[in-house]
Structures are given as C-alpha cells and as structure tokens.
Protein backbone atom coordinates (compact mmCIF):
# COMPACT_ATOMS: atom_id res chain seq x y z
CA UNK A 1 83.69 3.07 169.59
CA UNK A 2 80.00 2.51 171.03
CA UNK A 3 78.79 1.50 174.42
CA UNK A 4 75.19 1.51 175.09
CA UNK A 5 74.50 3.58 178.26
CA UNK A 6 78.24 4.94 178.36
CA UNK A 7 79.47 8.48 177.46
CA UNK A 8 82.46 8.59 174.92
CA UNK A 9 85.00 11.47 175.37
CA UNK A 10 87.77 12.00 172.94
CA UNK A 11 90.81 12.99 174.79
CA UNK A 12 92.77 16.08 173.20
CA UNK A 13 95.88 15.36 171.55
CA UNK A 14 97.60 18.04 173.52
CA UNK A 15 96.42 19.70 176.65
CA UNK A 16 96.32 23.60 175.66
CA UNK A 17 93.78 25.75 177.03
CA UNK A 18 91.20 25.15 174.51
CA UNK A 19 91.46 21.67 174.74
CA UNK A 20 91.32 21.73 178.42
CA UNK A 21 88.12 23.59 178.23
CA UNK A 22 86.29 21.48 175.90
CA UNK A 23 87.62 18.25 177.63
CA UNK A 24 86.22 19.46 180.92
CA UNK A 25 83.19 20.31 179.58
CA UNK A 26 82.42 16.90 178.02
CA UNK A 27 83.46 15.24 181.60
CA UNK A 28 81.24 17.49 183.24
CA UNK A 29 78.27 17.03 180.76
CA UNK A 30 78.90 12.99 181.00
CA UNK A 31 78.79 12.94 184.96
CA UNK A 32 75.65 15.29 184.78
CA UNK A 33 73.94 12.69 182.72
CA UNK A 34 71.71 11.01 185.54
CA UNK A 35 71.30 7.34 183.88
CA UNK A 36 74.80 7.27 182.44
CA UNK A 37 76.29 3.84 183.14
CA UNK A 38 80.12 5.14 182.74
CA UNK A 39 82.59 7.15 180.76
CA UNK A 40 85.33 5.79 178.09
CA UNK A 41 88.02 8.40 177.40
CA UNK A 42 89.87 7.42 174.15
CA UNK A 43 92.21 9.33 171.79
CA UNK A 44 92.51 9.47 168.20
CA UNK A 45 94.68 7.73 165.45
CA UNK A 46 97.99 6.66 167.24
CA UNK A 47 97.79 9.33 170.26
CA UNK A 48 95.92 9.06 173.44
CA UNK A 49 97.43 12.40 174.95
CA UNK A 50 100.81 14.25 174.53
CA UNK A 51 100.52 16.03 177.78
CA UNK A 52 100.21 19.98 178.29
CA UNK A 53 101.25 21.77 175.28
CA UNK A 54 103.54 25.27 175.39
CA UNK A 55 102.04 28.07 173.37
CA UNK A 56 98.50 27.13 172.52
CA UNK A 57 96.07 29.80 170.88
CA UNK A 58 94.96 31.67 174.00
CA UNK A 59 97.90 33.19 175.52
CA UNK A 60 95.70 35.36 177.97
CA UNK A 61 95.71 32.37 180.62
CA UNK A 62 98.87 31.49 182.52
CA UNK A 63 100.50 28.49 183.08
CA UNK A 64 99.26 28.40 186.68
CA UNK A 65 95.70 28.61 185.12
CA UNK A 66 96.48 25.49 182.68
CA UNK A 67 97.73 23.68 185.31
CA UNK A 68 95.29 24.11 187.86
CA UNK A 69 92.65 23.33 185.24
CA UNK A 70 94.18 20.24 184.74
CA UNK A 71 94.40 19.38 188.14
CA UNK A 72 90.89 19.85 188.76
CA UNK A 73 90.10 17.63 185.63
CA UNK A 74 92.13 14.63 186.98
CA UNK A 75 90.25 15.20 190.61
CA UNK A 76 86.66 15.11 188.81
CA UNK A 77 87.54 11.92 186.74
CA UNK A 78 89.24 9.98 190.16
CA UNK A 79 85.89 11.16 191.86
CA UNK A 80 83.21 10.52 189.19
CA UNK A 81 80.51 8.94 190.48
CA UNK A 82 80.39 6.10 187.62
CA UNK A 83 82.83 3.65 186.68
CA UNK A 84 85.62 4.92 183.91
CA UNK A 85 87.70 3.25 181.16
CA UNK A 86 90.62 4.67 179.17
CA UNK A 87 90.88 3.12 176.08
CA UNK A 88 94.67 4.00 174.84
CA UNK A 89 95.06 3.63 171.40
CA UNK A 90 98.56 5.04 171.13
CA UNK A 91 101.24 7.48 172.55
CA UNK A 92 100.46 8.37 176.32
CA UNK A 93 102.94 11.24 177.57
CA UNK A 94 103.04 13.01 180.64
CA UNK A 95 99.64 14.59 181.45
CA UNK A 96 98.39 11.60 179.10
CA UNK A 97 99.75 8.81 181.44
CA UNK A 98 97.93 10.87 184.10
CA UNK A 99 94.59 10.83 182.39
CA UNK A 100 95.13 7.12 181.62
CA UNK A 101 95.65 6.50 185.22
CA UNK A 102 92.64 8.44 186.55
CA UNK A 103 90.56 5.74 185.27
CA UNK A 104 89.30 2.63 187.14
CA UNK A 105 89.99 0.55 183.99
CA UNK A 106 92.96 1.12 181.47
CA UNK A 107 92.89 -0.95 178.31
CA UNK A 108 95.79 -0.38 175.85
CA UNK A 109 96.75 -1.46 172.44
CA UNK A 110 99.89 -3.51 172.41
CA UNK A 111 101.72 -0.86 170.26
CA UNK A 112 100.83 1.96 172.82
CA UNK A 113 103.65 3.53 174.25
CA UNK A 114 103.95 5.35 177.66
CA UNK A 115 106.37 8.26 178.90
CA UNK A 116 107.13 10.43 181.55
CA UNK A 117 109.85 12.71 180.19
CA UNK A 118 109.51 15.76 182.35
CA UNK A 119 112.62 15.25 184.27
CA UNK A 120 114.52 15.14 181.01
CA UNK A 121 112.68 18.27 180.25
CA UNK A 122 113.62 20.15 183.52
CA UNK A 123 110.40 19.86 185.50
CA UNK A 124 108.52 17.01 187.40
CA UNK A 125 105.28 14.91 186.84
CA UNK A 126 104.19 16.78 189.84
CA UNK A 127 100.53 16.79 188.81
CA UNK A 128 100.25 13.10 187.87
CA UNK A 129 102.14 11.70 190.58
CA UNK A 130 99.14 11.56 193.01
CA UNK A 131 97.41 9.69 190.28
CA UNK A 132 100.08 7.21 189.26
CA UNK A 133 100.91 6.34 193.01
CA UNK A 134 97.31 4.70 193.20
CA UNK A 135 98.08 2.19 190.62
CA UNK A 136 102.18 1.84 190.45
CA UNK A 137 104.57 1.56 193.68
CA UNK A 138 106.70 4.97 194.01
CA UNK A 139 109.85 3.15 193.10
CA UNK A 140 108.51 2.31 189.57
CA UNK A 141 107.33 5.83 189.27
CA UNK A 142 110.80 7.24 190.40
CA UNK A 143 112.29 4.83 187.73
CA UNK A 144 110.13 5.52 184.95
CA UNK A 145 110.46 9.40 185.56
CA UNK A 146 114.23 8.97 185.93
CA UNK A 147 114.42 7.04 182.81
CA UNK A 148 112.17 9.27 180.78
CA UNK A 149 112.13 7.18 177.73
CA UNK A 150 109.19 5.56 176.44
CA UNK A 151 107.90 2.05 177.58
CA UNK A 152 105.57 -0.45 176.13
CA UNK A 153 102.09 -1.21 177.16
CA UNK A 154 103.27 -4.78 178.29
CA UNK A 155 105.90 -2.99 180.78
CA UNK A 156 103.23 -0.60 181.86
CA UNK A 157 101.00 -3.54 182.51
CA UNK A 158 103.61 -5.19 184.83
CA UNK A 159 103.85 -1.92 186.50
CA UNK A 160 100.28 -1.91 187.15
CA UNK A 161 99.49 1.29 184.98
CA UNK A 162 97.54 -1.02 182.59
CA UNK A 163 94.92 -3.54 183.36
CA UNK A 164 94.60 -5.22 179.99
CA UNK A 165 96.47 -5.37 176.66
CA UNK A 166 94.91 -5.82 173.49
CA UNK A 167 95.41 -6.20 169.80
CA UNK A 168 94.41 -3.01 168.28
CA UNK A 169 91.74 -4.40 166.17
CA UNK A 170 90.02 -5.75 169.34
CA UNK A 171 90.25 -2.56 171.43
CA UNK A 172 86.62 -1.74 170.98
CA UNK A 173 85.47 -5.43 171.73
CA UNK A 174 87.59 -5.07 174.81
CA UNK A 175 86.08 -1.99 175.85
CA UNK A 176 82.72 -2.96 175.67
CA UNK A 177 83.19 -6.26 177.50
CA UNK A 178 84.75 -3.94 180.10
CA UNK A 179 81.60 -1.62 180.04
CA UNK A 180 79.14 -4.39 180.81
CA UNK A 181 81.00 -5.72 183.66
CA UNK A 182 81.73 -2.47 185.19
CA UNK A 183 78.57 -0.75 184.64
CA UNK A 184 76.68 -3.42 186.69
CA UNK A 185 76.74 -1.78 190.08
CA UNK A 186 74.35 0.84 190.73
CA UNK A 187 75.38 4.65 190.22
CA UNK A 188 74.31 5.76 193.89
CA UNK A 189 76.66 2.76 195.08
CA UNK A 190 79.53 3.52 193.20
CA UNK A 191 79.27 7.26 194.22
CA UNK A 192 79.45 5.88 197.57
CA UNK A 193 82.00 3.51 196.99
CA UNK A 194 84.21 6.99 195.84
CA UNK A 195 83.57 8.74 199.07
CA UNK A 196 84.45 5.77 201.08
CA UNK A 197 87.79 4.91 199.06
CA UNK A 198 89.09 8.20 197.99
CA UNK A 199 90.42 11.02 200.70
CA UNK A 200 89.16 13.59 198.54
CA UNK A 201 90.51 16.58 200.34
CA UNK A 202 93.99 15.13 200.67
CA UNK A 203 93.67 14.02 196.80
CA UNK A 204 92.81 17.65 196.04
CA UNK A 205 95.52 19.50 198.17
CA UNK A 206 98.36 17.31 196.20
CA UNK A 207 96.83 17.71 192.89
CA UNK A 208 96.71 21.45 193.19
CA UNK A 209 100.20 21.46 194.99
CA UNK A 210 101.49 19.71 191.81
CA UNK A 211 99.81 22.20 189.60
CA UNK A 212 101.69 25.01 191.39
CA UNK A 213 104.99 23.22 191.37
CA UNK A 214 104.48 22.59 187.53
CA UNK A 215 103.24 26.05 186.72
CA UNK A 216 106.42 27.30 188.57
CA UNK A 217 109.08 25.36 186.75
CA UNK A 218 107.35 26.17 183.24
CA UNK A 219 107.89 29.83 183.95
CA UNK A 220 111.41 29.04 182.94
CA UNK A 221 111.89 30.05 179.30
CA UNK A 222 114.68 27.41 178.58
CA UNK A 223 112.31 24.48 180.09
CA UNK A 224 109.31 25.73 178.16
CA UNK A 225 111.38 26.03 174.88
CA UNK A 226 112.51 22.14 175.58
CA UNK A 227 109.03 21.28 175.98
CA UNK A 228 107.81 23.26 172.76
CA UNK A 229 110.52 21.30 170.83
CA UNK A 230 109.76 18.06 172.23
CA UNK A 231 106.01 18.25 171.12
CA UNK A 232 106.10 20.27 167.99
CA UNK A 233 109.20 18.80 166.31
CA UNK A 234 110.11 15.57 168.25
CA UNK A 235 113.41 17.01 169.43
CA UNK A 236 114.51 15.21 172.44
CA UNK A 237 115.86 17.09 175.45
CA UNK A 238 119.51 15.71 174.66
CA UNK A 239 119.29 16.81 171.34
CA UNK A 240 118.64 20.32 171.90
C-alpha cells in the first residue's frame, strides 16, 4: 500500500511493550516529517490489532507503564497535525478498536471484525472510551462492551465507527482515494483545526485516567490469565 506523500505505519499485531515503543517511534517520525501529507495505519494479514498483550518479552515494565504509553499514543494520533486513515484489514479487538477510532477516516474491509471483550474478561475499555465517544454514541459503546462479542464492519459503519466498508481487493484503492481527498488541506490549517476542535487537556486527562483504571484491573492475576488465554489460545472467558 503506497500513497504519495503519506506515511504508512504498520500497526503491531498486539500491543506489548516492544510493539508500543516501535509503533510510537513510527508515529512520531511521521509527524516530524515537515512535508508529510498524512498518515495511514494498517495491520497485516487478517489482523489490524488485537489490543494489549499480557506477558510480553520485556517484563521490566509494569502494566501502568504500558497503559500510560498507549494512552499517550492515542493522544498523539488524535492531535496529529495531519489527516489520519485507519485501513482496517481484519480483526480489531479492544485497543485495536481504539486505534482505528482515533483516526479521521476508518476504511474497513467487509470481512473485518471488531470487538470490545474487556467486560467479559473482567476489566473495562476505559482507555478507548474517550476515543470511541468521538465517533459512536455512548449507548452504542455501552451495548458493544456489554455484549463483548465480535461485530461486522457493516454494523460498525452503522454505529459510526467505520466510514467506508470495502471489498478486500479494493482496500488499497480506497485508501489512496481517501488520502487524495484528505490531503488537500494545508498542514498548518489542519494543525489549527486540531487545536480548535480538540480539547487537548480534557482528552489527555480522560485517557490517562483510563490508563490508570486499566492498569489497576490488570493487576488481578485472574483477569491477566483470562486475557492471556483469550489472546494466545482463543479461549473465550466463558470457556475458562
């Protein structure tokens, strides 16, 4: 997937510490490019992002560290001085849903599946809630979180989470078309629009409160084990 003038960033399959560090560095590099027109976030194969991972390779960092890092990453994307596109090529779970929702334009293949399973695992989608509320009504967010099950790209579009549903074969073309349209505004104007339309201090406070709440819940070994089983073995909470 190539779009002239746009930075293309691969979203990590899971958000462990190593993945978060590299992903954040990639986003920071894209923002620092003075002539970049925008930024595209895309997954690999049939996964956009499966959310926070338990038991990554670097155990020297706490859950609070990882959660705070992810909250800062969402804030960075939401306030980026350039248009952003999420190319959702497959499953988006938990934090992956938040990453997609943080972008200005979400284009999803018709086979993509979204899910907010946190309540079934014993914690809350606290970090992504401030992001989702910018796109989806609170009632819809509550319902998706209470159900916890996967929902299609078509349903996500009806909720307001997805802007365009496309055939997998045309995802690249659709992203390039959207990039041409979104990239017409001058970068300094986009930056000014961000400052005007986003209450950065309130957003940061809510994101970091969500990080604290998430980290606190994940200290529970039962919840951590359920999340690990869900991610590594596909074992749903009701099968545990």
